[in-house]
């Protein structure tokens, strides 16, 4: 019986544990898929989800929370629709990964640009 793919972003898939976040920013490697900087850390230990993500938008560049929230929603949505391209290779290797998406630009990009950046980021992460 085949498992049904659920394109949701559950609590387990969100990176919220401070110890893991500190570890990610201390030891993780990064690359840029403009307008996103992606920081990732492959983990040997098994996490609740194969890939745990967090999204960050700087308050310095976007003073209004409404704009920050809009960008975070767009990035999460782009990840949610493409996440199985990353999760399936991780499950095959029996590994897990911590990922942070940091928004870099000073203006809000349309969703298509963020989607292209996410496709590029996931393609790079799949090779790591």
PDB file of N, CA and C in Angstrom:
ATOM      1  N   UNK A   1       0.847  -1.188   0.000  1.00  0.00           N
ATOM      2  CA  UNK A   1       0.000   0.000   0.000  1.00  0.00           C
ATOM      3  C   UNK A   1       0.889   1.246   0.000  1.00  0.00           C
ATOM      4  N   UNK A   2       0.581   2.194  -0.849  1.00  0.00           N
ATOM      5  CA  UNK A   2       1.399   3.403  -0.937  1.00  0.00           C
ATOM      6  C   UNK A   2       0.941   4.429   0.086  1.00  0.00           C
ATOM      7  N   UNK A   3       1.922   5.160   0.583  1.00  0.00           N
ATOM      8  CA  UNK A   3       1.616   6.182   1.573  1.00  0.00           C
ATOM      9  C   UNK A   3       1.167   7.456   0.862  1.00  0.00           C
ATOM     10  N   UNK A   4       0.112   8.061   1.361  1.00  0.00           N
ATOM     11  CA  UNK A   4      -0.417   9.274   0.761  1.00  0.00           C
ATOM     12  C   UNK A   4       0.457  10.454   1.186  1.00  0.00           C
ATOM     13  N   UNK A   5       0.849  11.285   0.221  1.00  0.00           N
ATOM     14  CA  UNK A   5       1.658  12.463   0.538  1.00  0.00           C
ATOM     15  C   UNK A   5       0.747  13.555   1.061  1.00  0.00           C
ATOM     16  N   UNK A   6       1.088  14.058   2.237  1.00  0.00           N
ATOM     17  CA  UNK A   6       0.315  15.147   2.830  1.00  0.00           C
ATOM     18  C   UNK A   6       1.155  16.403   2.772  1.00  0.00           C
ATOM     19  N   UNK A   7       0.716  17.366   1.996  1.00  0.00           N
ATOM     20  CA  UNK A   7       1.457  18.614   1.829  1.00  0.00           C
ATOM     21  C   UNK A   7       1.074  19.607   2.929  1.00  0.00           C
ATOM     22  N   UNK A   8       1.391  19.220   4.162  1.00  0.00           N
ATOM     23  CA  UNK A   8       1.126  20.093   5.299  1.00  0.00           C
ATOM     24  C   UNK A   8       2.465  20.437   5.941  1.00  0.00           C
ATOM     25  N   UNK A   9       2.445  21.395   6.836  1.00  0.00           N
ATOM     26  CA  UNK A   9       3.653  21.746   7.574  1.00  0.00           C
ATOM     27  C   UNK A   9       3.313  21.598   9.057  1.00  0.00           C
ATOM     28  N   UNK A  10       3.570  20.403   9.567  1.00  0.00           N
ATOM     29  CA  UNK A  10       3.158  20.084  10.935  1.00  0.00           C
ATOM     30  C   UNK A  10       4.102  20.697  11.967  1.00  0.00           C
ATOM     31  N   UNK A  11       3.715  20.605  13.220  1.00  0.00           N
ATOM     32  CA  UNK A  11       4.516  21.128  14.332  1.00  0.00           C
ATOM     33  C   UNK A  11       5.899  20.477  14.362  1.00  0.00           C
ATOM     34  N   UNK A  12       5.964  19.166  14.077  1.00  0.00           N
ATOM     35  CA  UNK A  12       7.248  18.461  14.104  1.00  0.00           C
ATOM     36  C   UNK A  12       8.207  18.967  13.033  1.00  0.00           C
ATOM     37  N   UNK A  13       7.664  19.489  11.935  1.00  0.00           N
ATOM     38  CA  UNK A  13       8.500  19.959  10.828  1.00  0.00           C
ATOM     39  C   UNK A  13       9.007  21.385  11.042  1.00  0.00           C
ATOM     40  N   UNK A  14       8.504  22.053  12.062  1.00  0.00           N
ATOM     41  CA  UNK A  14       8.947  23.421  12.347  1.00  0.00           C
ATOM     42  C   UNK A  14      10.053  23.376  13.393  1.00  0.00           C
ATOM     43  N   UNK A  15      11.108  24.089  13.121  1.00  0.00           N
ATOM     44  CA  UNK A  15      12.260  24.112  14.014  1.00  0.00           C
ATOM     45  C   UNK A  15      11.993  25.141  15.109  1.00  0.00           C
ATOM     46  N   UNK A  16      11.828  24.667  16.344  1.00  0.00           N
ATOM     47  CA  UNK A  16      11.515  25.593  17.423  1.00  0.00           C
ATOM     48  C   UNK A  16      12.364  25.370  18.675  1.00  0.00           C
ATOM     49  N   UNK A  17      13.091  24.280  18.740  1.00  0.00           N
ATOM     50  CA  UNK A  17      13.875  23.976  19.927  1.00  0.00           C
ATOM     51  C   UNK A  17      15.155  24.792  19.921  1.00  0.00           C
ATOM     52  N   UNK A  18      15.359  25.615  20.952  1.00  0.00           N
ATOM     53  CA  UNK A  18      16.474  26.553  20.996  1.00  0.00           C
ATOM     54  C   UNK A  18      17.829  25.859  20.841  1.00  0.00           C
ATOM     55  N   UNK A  19      17.984  24.690  21.419  1.00  0.00           N
ATOM     56  CA  UNK A  19      19.258  23.975  21.324  1.00  0.00           C
ATOM     57  C   UNK A  19      19.603  23.661  19.864  1.00  0.00           C
ATOM     58  N   UNK A  20      18.606  23.219  19.097  1.00  0.00           N
ATOM     59  CA  UNK A  20      18.829  22.914  17.680  1.00  0.00           C
ATOM     60  C   UNK A  20      19.065  24.175  16.864  1.00  0.00           C
ATOM     61  N   UNK A  21      18.359  25.248  17.192  1.00  0.00           N
ATOM     62  CA  UNK A  21      18.547  26.514  16.464  1.00  0.00           C
ATOM     63  C   UNK A  21      19.958  27.042  16.696  1.00  0.00           C
ATOM     64  N   UNK A  22      20.420  27.013  17.952  1.00  0.00           N
ATOM     65  CA  UNK A  22      21.788  27.461  18.256  1.00  0.00           C
ATOM     66  C   UNK A  22      22.814  26.587  17.546  1.00  0.00           C
ATOM     67  N   UNK A  23      22.585  25.282  17.528  1.00  0.00           N
ATOM     68  CA  UNK A  23      23.480  24.347  16.858  1.00  0.00           C
ATOM     69  C   UNK A  23      23.520  24.620  15.347  1.00  0.00           C
ATOM     70  N   UNK A  24      22.362  24.884  14.772  1.00  0.00           N
ATOM     71  CA  UNK A  24      22.266  25.170  13.339  1.00  0.00           C
ATOM     72  C   UNK A  24      23.077  26.404  12.969  1.00  0.00           C
ATOM     73  N   UNK A  25      22.919  27.483  13.741  1.00  0.00           N
ATOM     74  CA  UNK A  25      23.626  28.729  13.413  1.00  0.00           C
ATOM     75  C   UNK A  25      25.109  28.656  13.770  1.00  0.00           C
ATOM     76  N   UNK A  26      25.483  27.798  14.709  1.00  0.00           N
ATOM     77  CA  UNK A  26      26.893  27.670  15.087  1.00  0.00           C
ATOM     78  C   UNK A  26      27.663  26.776  14.115  1.00  0.00           C
ATOM     79  N   UNK A  27      27.071  25.654  13.709  1.00  0.00           N
ATOM     80  CA  UNK A  27      27.801  24.664  12.921  1.00  0.00           C
ATOM     81  C   UNK A  27      27.307  24.500  11.484  1.00  0.00           C
ATOM     82  N   UNK A  28      26.178  25.119  11.155  1.00  0.00           N
ATOM     83  CA  UNK A  28      25.591  24.916   9.827  1.00  0.00           C
ATOM     84  C   UNK A  28      26.354  25.606   8.718  1.00  0.00           C
ATOM     85  N   UNK A  29      26.207  25.071   7.498  1.00  0.00           N
ATOM     86  CA  UNK A  29      26.767  25.711   6.317  1.00  0.00           C
ATOM     87  C   UNK A  29      25.649  26.472   5.626  1.00  0.00           C
ATOM     88  N   UNK A  30      26.019  27.434   4.764  1.00  0.00           N
ATOM     89  CA  UNK A  30      24.983  28.212   4.113  1.00  0.00           C
ATOM     90  C   UNK A  30      25.304  28.456   2.648  1.00  0.00           C
ATOM     91  N   UNK A  31      24.264  28.796   1.918  1.00  0.00           N
ATOM     92  CA  UNK A  31      24.378  29.234   0.530  1.00  0.00           C
ATOM     93  C   UNK A  31      23.226  30.188   0.269  1.00  0.00           C
ATOM     94  N   UNK A  32      23.310  30.908  -0.853  1.00  0.00           N
ATOM     95  CA  UNK A  32      22.271  31.881  -1.173  1.00  0.00           C
ATOM     96  C   UNK A  32      21.519  31.444  -2.423  1.00  0.00           C
ATOM     97  N   UNK A  33      20.201  31.408  -2.310  1.00  0.00           N
ATOM     98  CA  UNK A  33      19.301  31.243  -3.455  1.00  0.00           C
ATOM     99  C   UNK A  33      18.432  32.501  -3.407  1.00  0.00           C
ATOM    100  N   UNK A  34      18.913  33.567  -4.032  1.00  0.00           N
ATOM    101  CA  UNK A  34      18.315  34.889  -3.833  1.00  0.00           C
ATOM    102  C   UNK A  34      16.816  34.866  -4.080  1.00  0.00           C
ATOM    103  N   UNK A  35      15.998  35.457  -3.232  1.00  0.00           N
ATOM    104  CA  UNK A  35      16.263  36.330  -2.081  1.00  0.00           C
ATOM    105  C   UNK A  35      16.380  35.591  -0.743  1.00  0.00           C
ATOM    106  N   UNK A  36      16.734  34.317  -0.764  1.00  0.00           N
ATOM    107  CA  UNK A  36      16.847  33.556   0.482  1.00  0.00           C
ATOM    108  C   UNK A  36      18.293  33.150   0.757  1.00  0.00           C
ATOM    109  N   UNK A  37      18.699  33.229   2.013  1.00  0.00           N
ATOM    110  CA  UNK A  37      19.931  32.569   2.447  1.00  0.00           C
ATOM    111  C   UNK A  37      19.477  31.305   3.164  1.00  0.00           C
ATOM    112  N   UNK A  38      20.067  30.186   2.801  1.00  0.00           N
ATOM    113  CA  UNK A  38      19.681  28.909   3.382  1.00  0.00           C
ATOM    114  C   UNK A  38      20.825  28.413   4.250  1.00  0.00           C
ATOM    115  N   UNK A  39      20.541  28.185   5.522  1.00  0.00           N
ATOM    116  CA  UNK A  39      21.519  27.610   6.438  1.00  0.00           C
ATOM    117  C   UNK A  39      21.020  26.212   6.766  1.00  0.00           C
ATOM    118  N   UNK A  40      21.901  25.217   6.600  1.00  0.00           N
ATOM    119  CA  UNK A  40      21.476  23.836   6.805  1.00  0.00           C
ATOM    120  C   UNK A  40      22.518  23.078   7.613  1.00  0.00           C
ATOM    121  N   UNK A  41      22.041  22.052   8.301  1.00  0.00           N
ATOM    122  CA  UNK A  41      22.923  21.198   9.084  1.00  0.00           C
ATOM    123  C   UNK A  41      22.405  19.766   9.005  1.00  0.00           C
ATOM    124  N   UNK A  42      23.116  18.875   8.275  1.00  0.00           N
ATOM    125  CA  UNK A  42      22.708  17.468   8.259  1.00  0.00           C
ATOM    126  C   UNK A  42      22.933  16.858   9.647  1.00  0.00           C
ATOM    127  N   UNK A  43      21.969  16.091  10.114  1.00  0.00           N
ATOM    128  CA  UNK A  43      22.037  15.498  11.451  1.00  0.00           C
ATOM    129  C   UNK A  43      22.102  13.979  11.337  1.00  0.00           C
ATOM    130  N   UNK A  44      22.954  13.382  12.173  1.00  0.00           N
ATOM    131  CA  UNK A  44      23.040  11.920  12.213  1.00  0.00           C
ATOM    132  C   UNK A  44      21.925  11.344  13.078  1.00  0.00           C
ATOM    133  N   UNK A  45      21.615  12.063  14.183  1.00  0.00           N
ATOM    134  CA  UNK A  45      20.568  11.552  15.075  1.00  0.00           C
ATOM    135  C   UNK A  45      19.197  11.729  14.431  1.00  0.00           C
ATOM    136  N   UNK A  46      18.271  10.873  14.802  1.00  0.00           N
ATOM    137  CA  UNK A  46      16.946  10.900  14.214  1.00  0.00           C
ATOM    138  C   UNK A  46      16.090  11.961  14.908  1.00  0.00           C
ATOM    139  N   UNK A  47      15.521  12.861  14.133  1.00  0.00           N
ATOM    140  CA  UNK A  47      14.637  13.913  14.636  1.00  0.00           C
ATOM    141  C   UNK A  47      13.187  13.491  14.402  1.00  0.00           C
ATOM    142  N   UNK A  48      12.227  14.197  15.017  1.00  0.00           N
ATOM    143  CA  UNK A  48      10.816  13.831  14.790  1.00  0.00           C
ATOM    144  C   UNK A  48      10.407  13.905  13.316  1.00  0.00           C
ATOM    145  N   UNK A  49      11.033  14.830  12.554  1.00  0.00           N
ATOM    146  CA  UNK A  49      10.734  14.958  11.126  1.00  0.00           C
ATOM    147  C   UNK A  49      12.045  14.878  10.342  1.00  0.00           C
ATOM    148  N   UNK A  50      12.019  14.381   9.108  1.00  0.00           N
ATOM    149  CA  UNK A  50      13.256  14.289   8.327  1.00  0.00           C
ATOM    150  C   UNK A  50      13.894  15.655   8.062  1.00  0.00           C
ATOM    151  N   UNK A  51      13.066  16.683   7.899  1.00  0.00           N
ATOM    152  CA  UNK A  51      13.587  18.035   7.687  1.00  0.00           C
ATOM    153  C   UNK A  51      12.803  18.996   8.568  1.00  0.00           C
ATOM    154  N   UNK A  52      13.518  19.714   9.439  1.00  0.00           N
ATOM    155  CA  UNK A  52      12.880  20.722  10.289  1.00  0.00           C
ATOM    156  C   UNK A  52      13.305  22.092   9.785  1.00  0.00           C
ATOM    157  N   UNK A  53      12.337  22.977   9.581  1.00  0.00           N
ATOM    158  CA  UNK A  53      12.653  24.285   9.007  1.00  0.00           C
ATOM    159  C   UNK A  53      12.229  25.430   9.917  1.00  0.00           C
ATOM    160  N   UNK A  54      12.875  26.570   9.702  1.00  0.00           N
ATOM    161  CA  UNK A  54      12.431  27.819  10.308  1.00  0.00           C
ATOM    162  C   UNK A  54      12.590  28.911   9.257  1.00  0.00           C
ATOM    163  N   UNK A  55      11.780  29.959   9.367  1.00  0.00           N
ATOM    164  CA  UNK A  55      11.828  31.079   8.428  1.00  0.00           C
ATOM    165  C   UNK A  55      12.050  32.346   9.234  1.00  0.00           C
ATOM    166  N   UNK A  56      12.973  33.186   8.771  1.00  0.00           N
ATOM    167  CA  UNK A  56      13.272  34.424   9.487  1.00  0.00           C
ATOM    168  C   UNK A  56      13.290  35.597   8.511  1.00  0.00           C
ATOM    169  N   UNK A  57      12.631  36.684   8.905  1.00  0.00           N
ATOM    170  CA  UNK A  57      12.618  37.913   8.119  1.00  0.00           C
ATOM    171  C   UNK A  57      13.070  39.037   9.052  1.00  0.00           C
ATOM    172  N   UNK A  58      14.097  39.819   8.658  1.00  0.00           N
ATOM    173  CA  UNK A  58      14.654  40.818   9.574  1.00  0.00           C
ATOM    174  C   UNK A  58      13.722  41.999   9.839  1.00  0.00           C
ATOM    175  N   UNK A  59      13.620  42.330  11.121  1.00  0.00           N
ATOM    176  CA  UNK A  59      12.816  43.461  11.559  1.00  0.00           C
ATOM    177  C   UNK A  59      13.450  44.769  11.092  1.00  0.00           C
ATOM    178  N   UNK A  60      14.765  44.742  10.911  1.00  0.00           N
ATOM    179  CA  UNK A  60      15.489  45.932  10.491  1.00  0.00           C
ATOM    180  C   UNK A  60      15.072  46.367   9.077  1.00  0.00           C
ATOM    181  N   UNK A  61      14.785  45.398   8.211  1.00  0.00           N
ATOM    182  CA  UNK A  61      14.423  45.712   6.822  1.00  0.00           C
ATOM    183  C   UNK A  61      12.923  45.881   6.627  1.00  0.00           C
ATOM    184  N   UNK A  62      12.112  45.210   7.457  1.00  0.00           N
ATOM    185  CA  UNK A  62      10.656  45.309   7.367  1.00  0.00           C
ATOM    186  C   UNK A  62      10.113  45.659   8.743  1.00  0.00           C
ATOM    187  N   UNK A  63       9.838  46.942   8.956  1.00  0.00           N
ATOM    188  CA  UNK A  63       9.383  47.400  10.273  1.00  0.00           C
ATOM    189  C   UNK A  63       8.001  46.850  10.624  1.00  0.00           C
ATOM    190  N   UNK A  64       7.139  46.748   9.603  1.00  0.00           N
ATOM    191  CA  UNK A  64       5.764  46.305   9.859  1.00  0.00           C
ATOM    192  C   UNK A  64       5.663  44.783   9.926  1.00  0.00           C
ATOM    193  N   UNK A  65       5.060  44.305  10.992  1.00  0.00           N
ATOM    194  CA  UNK A  65       4.899  42.855  11.178  1.00  0.00           C
ATOM    195  C   UNK A  65       4.058  42.251  10.057  1.00  0.00           C
ATOM    196  N   UNK A  66       3.134  43.024   9.506  1.00  0.00           N
ATOM    197  CA  UNK A  66       2.272  42.532   8.428  1.00  0.00           C
ATOM    198  C   UNK A  66       3.117  42.104   7.229  1.00  0.00           C
ATOM    199  N   UNK A  67       4.117  42.906   6.897  1.00  0.00           N
ATOM    200  CA  UNK A  67       4.985  42.588   5.757  1.00  0.00           C
ATOM    201  C   UNK A  67       5.873  41.387   6.071  1.00  0.00           C
ATOM    202  N   UNK A  68       6.413  41.341   7.287  1.00  0.00           N
ATOM    203  CA  UNK A  68       7.241  40.193   7.683  1.00  0.00           C
ATOM    204  C   UNK A  68       6.430  38.904   7.622  1.00  0.00           C
ATOM    205  N   UNK A  69       5.214  38.957   8.127  1.00  0.00           N
ATOM    206  CA  UNK A  69       4.353  37.775   8.126  1.00  0.00           C
ATOM    207  C   UNK A  69       3.994  37.334   6.712  1.00  0.00           C
ATOM    208  N   UNK A  70       3.783  38.298   5.807  1.00  0.00           N
ATOM    209  CA  UNK A  70       3.484  37.978   4.417  1.00  0.00           C
ATOM    210  C   UNK A  70       4.639  37.196   3.786  1.00  0.00           C
ATOM    211  N   UNK A  71       5.855  37.672   4.002  1.00  0.00           N
ATOM    212  CA  UNK A  71       7.029  37.006   3.437  1.00  0.00           C
ATOM    213  C   UNK A  71       7.187  35.611   4.035  1.00  0.00           C
ATOM    214  N   UNK A  72       7.011  35.497   5.362  1.00  0.00           N
ATOM    215  CA  UNK A  72       7.136  34.192   6.008  1.00  0.00           C
ATOM    216  C   UNK A  72       6.094  33.211   5.468  1.00  0.00           C
ATOM    217  N   UNK A  73       4.876  33.692   5.246  1.00  0.00           N
ATOM    218  CA  UNK A  73       3.827  32.837   4.677  1.00  0.00           C
ATOM    219  C   UNK A  73       4.208  32.365   3.281  1.00  0.00           C
ATOM    220  N   UNK A  74       4.756  33.280   2.475  1.00  0.00           N
ATOM    221  CA  UNK A  74       5.147  32.916   1.108  1.00  0.00           C
ATOM    222  C   UNK A  74       6.259  31.867   1.113  1.00  0.00           C
ATOM    223  N   UNK A  75       7.252  32.046   1.977  1.00  0.00           N
ATOM    224  CA  UNK A  75       8.373  31.102   2.032  1.00  0.00           C
ATOM    225  C   UNK A  75       7.893  29.738   2.526  1.00  0.00           C
ATOM    226  N   UNK A  76       7.066  29.727   3.569  1.00  0.00           N
ATOM    227  CA  UNK A  76       6.535  28.458   4.080  1.00  0.00           C
ATOM    228  C   UNK A  76       5.693  27.737   3.026  1.00  0.00           C
ATOM    229  N   UNK A  77       4.895  28.493   2.299  1.00  0.00           N
ATOM    230  CA  UNK A  77       4.048  27.907   1.258  1.00  0.00           C
ATOM    231  C   UNK A  77       4.904  27.320   0.130  1.00  0.00           C
ATOM    232  N   UNK A  78       5.950  28.031  -0.273  1.00  0.00           N
ATOM    233  CA  UNK A  78       6.850  27.526  -1.324  1.00  0.00           C
ATOM    234  C   UNK A  78       7.524  26.238  -0.860  1.00  0.00           C
ATOM    235  N   UNK A  79       7.942  26.182   0.398  1.00  0.00           N
ATOM    236  CA  UNK A  79       8.575  24.971   0.935  1.00  0.00           C
ATOM    237  C   UNK A  79       7.560  23.826   1.014  1.00  0.00           C
ATOM    238  N   UNK A  80       6.371  24.139   1.525  1.00  0.00           N
ATOM    239  CA  UNK A  80       5.346  23.116   1.750  1.00  0.00           C
ATOM    240  C   UNK A  80       4.980  22.383   0.454  1.00  0.00           C
ATOM    241  N   UNK A  81       4.897  23.108  -0.650  1.00  0.00           N
ATOM    242  CA  UNK A  81       4.495  22.486  -1.911  1.00  0.00           C
ATOM    243  C   UNK A  81       5.615  21.652  -2.532  1.00  0.00           C
ATOM    244  N   UNK A  82       6.888  21.896  -2.158  1.00  0.00           N
ATOM    245  CA  UNK A  82       8.025  21.186  -2.754  1.00  0.00           C
ATOM    246  C   UNK A  82       8.774  20.301  -1.757  1.00  0.00           C
ATOM    247  N   UNK A  83       8.262  20.151  -0.546  1.00  0.00           N
ATOM    248  CA  UNK A  83       9.041  19.500   0.508  1.00  0.00           C
ATOM    249  C   UNK A  83       9.366  18.037   0.221  1.00  0.00           C
ATOM    250  N   UNK A  84       8.531  17.314  -0.521  1.00  0.00           N
ATOM    251  CA  UNK A  84       8.810  15.901  -0.762  1.00  0.00           C
ATOM    252  C   UNK A  84      10.016  15.690  -1.669  1.00  0.00           C
ATOM    253  N   UNK A  85      10.384  16.718  -2.464  1.00  0.00           N
ATOM    254  CA  UNK A  85      11.606  16.633  -3.272  1.00  0.00           C
ATOM    255  C   UNK A  85      12.842  16.547  -2.375  1.00  0.00           C
ATOM    256  N   UNK A  86      12.737  17.071  -1.164  1.00  0.00           N
ATOM    257  CA  UNK A  86      13.841  17.023  -0.206  1.00  0.00           C
ATOM    258  C   UNK A  86      13.688  15.860   0.777  1.00  0.00           C
ATOM    259  N   UNK A  87      12.473  15.610   1.231  1.00  0.00           N
ATOM    260  CA  UNK A  87      12.240  14.607   2.279  1.00  0.00           C
ATOM    261  C   UNK A  87      12.512  13.176   1.787  1.00  0.00           C
ATOM    262  N   UNK A  88      12.107  12.863   0.553  1.00  0.00           N
ATOM    263  CA  UNK A  88      12.284  11.497   0.058  1.00  0.00           C
ATOM    264  C   UNK A  88      13.751  11.064   0.005  1.00  0.00           C
ATOM    265  N   UNK A  89      14.689  11.900  -0.522  1.00  0.00           N
ATOM    266  CA  UNK A  89      16.107  11.487  -0.476  1.00  0.00           C
ATOM    267  C   UNK A  89      16.637  11.359   0.957  1.00  0.00           C
ATOM    268  N   UNK A  90      16.164  12.217   1.867  1.00  0.00           N
ATOM    269  CA  UNK A  90      16.594  12.133   3.266  1.00  0.00           C
ATOM    270  C   UNK A  90      16.129  10.826   3.899  1.00  0.00           C
ATOM    271  N   UNK A  91      14.896  10.439   3.627  1.00  0.00           N
ATOM    272  CA  UNK A  91      14.371   9.179   4.172  1.00  0.00           C
ATOM    273  C   UNK A  91      15.121   7.984   3.587  1.00  0.00           C
ATOM    274  N   UNK A  92      15.494   8.072   2.305  1.00  0.00           N
ATOM    275  CA  UNK A  92      16.234   6.988   1.665  1.00  0.00           C
ATOM    276  C   UNK A  92      17.603   6.796   2.318  1.00  0.00           C
ATOM    277  N   UNK A  93      18.236   7.910   2.726  1.00  0.00           N
ATOM    278  CA  UNK A  93      19.547   7.833   3.370  1.00  0.00           C
ATOM    279  C   UNK A  93      19.443   7.656   4.885  1.00  0.00           C
ATOM    280  N   UNK A  94      18.207   7.689   5.410  1.00  0.00           N
ATOM    281  CA  UNK A  94      17.948   7.598   6.852  1.00  0.00           C
ATOM    282  C   UNK A  94      18.667   8.719   7.615  1.00  0.00           C
ATOM    283  N   UNK A  95      18.564   9.929   7.091  1.00  0.00           N
ATOM    284  CA  UNK A  95      19.186  11.101   7.711  1.00  0.00           C
ATOM    285  C   UNK A  95      18.096  12.138   7.983  1.00  0.00           C
ATOM    286  N   UNK A  96      18.474  13.176   8.723  1.00  0.00           N
ATOM    287  CA  UNK A  96      17.566  14.302   8.926  1.00  0.00           C
ATOM    288  C   UNK A  96      18.365  15.589   8.785  1.00  0.00           C
ATOM    289  N   UNK A  97      17.669  16.705   8.666  1.00  0.00           N
ATOM    290  CA  UNK A  97      18.338  17.963   8.390  1.00  0.00           C
ATOM    291  C   UNK A  97      17.607  19.122   9.064  1.00  0.00           C
ATOM    292  N   UNK A  98      18.395  20.051   9.608  1.00  0.00           N
ATOM    293  CA  UNK A  98      17.860  21.294  10.145  1.00  0.00           C
ATOM    294  C   UNK A  98      18.092  22.373   9.093  1.00  0.00           C
ATOM    295  N   UNK A  99      17.070  23.186   8.819  1.00  0.00           N
ATOM    296  CA  UNK A  99      17.177  24.190   7.765  1.00  0.00           C
ATOM    297  C   UNK A  99      16.578  25.509   8.249  1.00  0.00           C
ATOM    298  N   UNK A 100      17.284  26.608   7.958  1.00  0.00           N
ATOM    299  CA  UNK A 100      16.755  27.947   8.230  1.00  0.00           C
ATOM    300  C   UNK A 100      16.734  28.715   6.919  1.00  0.00           C
ATOM    301  N   UNK A 101      15.600  29.350   6.623  1.00  0.00           N
ATOM    302  CA  UNK A 101      15.480  30.208   5.449  1.00  0.00           C
ATOM    303  C   UNK A 101      15.465  31.652   5.944  1.00  0.00           C
ATOM    304  N   UNK A 102      16.483  32.430   5.580  1.00  0.00           N
ATOM    305  CA  UNK A 102      16.572  33.828   5.983  1.00  0.00           C
ATOM    306  C   UNK A 102      16.318  34.705   4.764  1.00  0.00           C
ATOM    307  N   UNK A 103      15.409  35.651   4.896  1.00  0.00           N
ATOM    308  CA  UNK A 103      15.077  36.533   3.785  1.00  0.00           C
ATOM    309  C   UNK A 103      16.089  37.668   3.729  1.00  0.00           C
ATOM    310  N   UNK A 104      16.653  37.941   2.553  1.00  0.00           N
ATOM    311  CA  UNK A 104      17.746  38.897   2.437  1.00  0.00           C
ATOM    312  C   UNK A 104      17.367  40.265   1.886  1.00  0.00           C
ATOM    313  N   UNK A 105      16.435  40.335   0.969  1.00  0.00           N
ATOM    314  CA  UNK A 105      16.204  41.570   0.222  1.00  0.00           C
ATOM    315  C   UNK A 105      15.442  42.623   1.022  1.00  0.00           C
ATOM    316  N   UNK A 106      15.481  43.859   0.519  1.00  0.00           N
ATOM    317  CA  UNK A 106      14.810  44.971   1.202  1.00  0.00           C
ATOM    318  C   UNK A 106      13.371  45.160   0.737  1.00  0.00           C
ATOM    319  N   UNK A 107      13.008  44.516  -0.396  1.00  0.00           N
ATOM    320  CA  UNK A 107      11.621  44.634  -0.838  1.00  0.00           C
ATOM    321  C   UNK A 107      10.979  43.265  -0.980  1.00  0.00           C
ATOM    322  N   UNK A 108       9.660  43.285  -1.010  1.00  0.00           N
ATOM    323  CA  UNK A 108       8.891  42.049  -1.087  1.00  0.00           C
ATOM    324  C   UNK A 108       8.867  41.574  -2.536  1.00  0.00           C
ATOM    325  N   UNK A 109       9.242  40.328  -2.760  1.00  0.00           N
ATOM    326  CA  UNK A 109       9.220  39.749  -4.100  1.00  0.00           C
ATOM    327  C   UNK A 109       7.902  39.028  -4.332  1.00  0.00           C
ATOM    328  N   UNK A 110       7.460  38.920  -5.598  1.00  0.00           N
ATOM    329  CA  UNK A 110       6.253  38.125  -5.858  1.00  0.00           C
ATOM    330  C   UNK A 110       6.495  36.650  -5.541  1.00  0.00           C
ATOM    331  N   UNK A 111       5.414  35.929  -5.320  1.00  0.00           N
ATOM    332  CA  UNK A 111       5.504  34.527  -4.913  1.00  0.00           C
ATOM    333  C   UNK A 111       6.272  33.686  -5.926  1.00  0.00           C
ATOM    334  N   UNK A 112       6.162  33.998  -7.221  1.00  0.00           N
ATOM    335  CA  UNK A 112       6.863  33.214  -8.249  1.00  0.00           C
ATOM    336  C   UNK A 112       8.378  33.278  -8.053  1.00  0.00           C
ATOM    337  N   UNK A 113       8.912  34.442  -7.663  1.00  0.00           N
ATOM    338  CA  UNK A 113      10.357  34.575  -7.410  1.00  0.00           C
ATOM    339  C   UNK A 113      10.779  33.729  -6.216  1.00  0.00           C
ATOM    340  N   UNK A 114       9.965  33.759  -5.165  1.00  0.00           N
ATOM    341  CA  UNK A 114      10.273  32.983  -3.961  1.00  0.00           C
ATOM    342  C   UNK A 114      10.194  31.491  -4.268  1.00  0.00           C
ATOM    343  N   UNK A 115       9.242  31.119  -5.116  1.00  0.00           N
ATOM    344  CA  UNK A 115       9.093  29.717  -5.514  1.00  0.00           C
ATOM    345  C   UNK A 115      10.319  29.240  -6.312  1.00  0.00           C
ATOM    346  N   UNK A 116      10.818  30.083  -7.215  1.00  0.00           N
ATOM    347  CA  UNK A 116      12.024  29.744  -7.987  1.00  0.00           C
ATOM    348  C   UNK A 116      13.222  29.587  -7.067  1.00  0.00           C
ATOM    349  N   UNK A 117      13.361  30.504  -6.098  1.00  0.00           N
ATOM    350  CA  UNK A 117      14.462  30.428  -5.131  1.00  0.00           C
ATOM    351  C   UNK A 117      14.350  29.157  -4.297  1.00  0.00           C
ATOM    352  N   UNK A 118      13.141  28.782  -3.906  1.00  0.00           N
ATOM    353  CA  UNK A 118      12.927  27.575  -3.106  1.00  0.00           C
ATOM    354  C   UNK A 118      13.265  26.325  -3.923  1.00  0.00           C
ATOM    355  N   UNK A 119      12.880  26.296  -5.198  1.00  0.00           N
ATOM    356  CA  UNK A 119      13.221  25.156  -6.066  1.00  0.00           C
ATOM    357  C   UNK A 119      14.732  24.997  -6.163  1.00  0.00           C
ATOM    358  N   UNK A 120      15.431  26.127  -6.331  1.00  0.00           N
ATOM    359  CA  UNK A 120      16.897  26.104  -6.419  1.00  0.00           C
ATOM    360  C   UNK A 120      17.493  25.618  -5.097  1.00  0.00           C
ATOM    361  N   UNK A 121      16.968  26.138  -3.977  1.00  0.00           N
ATOM    362  CA  UNK A 121      17.475  25.766  -2.651  1.00  0.00           C
ATOM    363  C   UNK A 121      17.275  24.273  -2.386  1.00  0.00           C
ATOM    364  N   UNK A 122      16.105  23.750  -2.708  1.00  0.00           N
ATOM    365  CA  UNK A 122      15.821  22.337  -2.461  1.00  0.00           C
ATOM    366  C   UNK A 122      16.701  21.454  -3.346  1.00  0.00           C
ATOM    367  N   UNK A 123      16.947  21.886  -4.581  1.00  0.00           N
ATOM    368  CA  UNK A 123      17.831  21.121  -5.472  1.00  0.00           C
ATOM    369  C   UNK A 123      19.246  21.056  -4.892  1.00  0.00           C
ATOM    370  N   UNK A 124      19.728  22.158  -4.340  1.00  0.00           N
ATOM    371  CA  UNK A 124      21.062  22.176  -3.740  1.00  0.00           C
ATOM    372  C   UNK A 124      21.077  21.327  -2.469  1.00  0.00           C
ATOM    373  N   UNK A 125      20.062  21.455  -1.631  1.00  0.00           N
ATOM    374  CA  UNK A 125      20.003  20.694  -0.371  1.00  0.00           C
ATOM    375  C   UNK A 125      19.934  19.193  -0.623  1.00  0.00           C
ATOM    376  N   UNK A 126      19.274  18.796  -1.704  1.00  0.00           N
ATOM    377  CA  UNK A 126      19.137  17.372  -2.005  1.00  0.00           C
ATOM    378  C   UNK A 126      20.503  16.739  -2.262  1.00  0.00           C
ATOM    379  N   UNK A 127      21.435  17.514  -2.819  1.00  0.00           N
ATOM    380  CA  UNK A 127      22.782  16.997  -3.106  1.00  0.00           C
ATOM    381  C   UNK A 127      23.691  16.934  -1.875  1.00  0.00           C
ATOM    382  N   UNK A 128      23.294  17.600  -0.794  1.00  0.00           N
ATOM    383  CA  UNK A 128      24.160  17.662   0.402  1.00  0.00           C
ATOM    384  C   UNK A 128      24.016  16.414   1.259  1.00  0.00           C
TER     385      UNK A 128
END
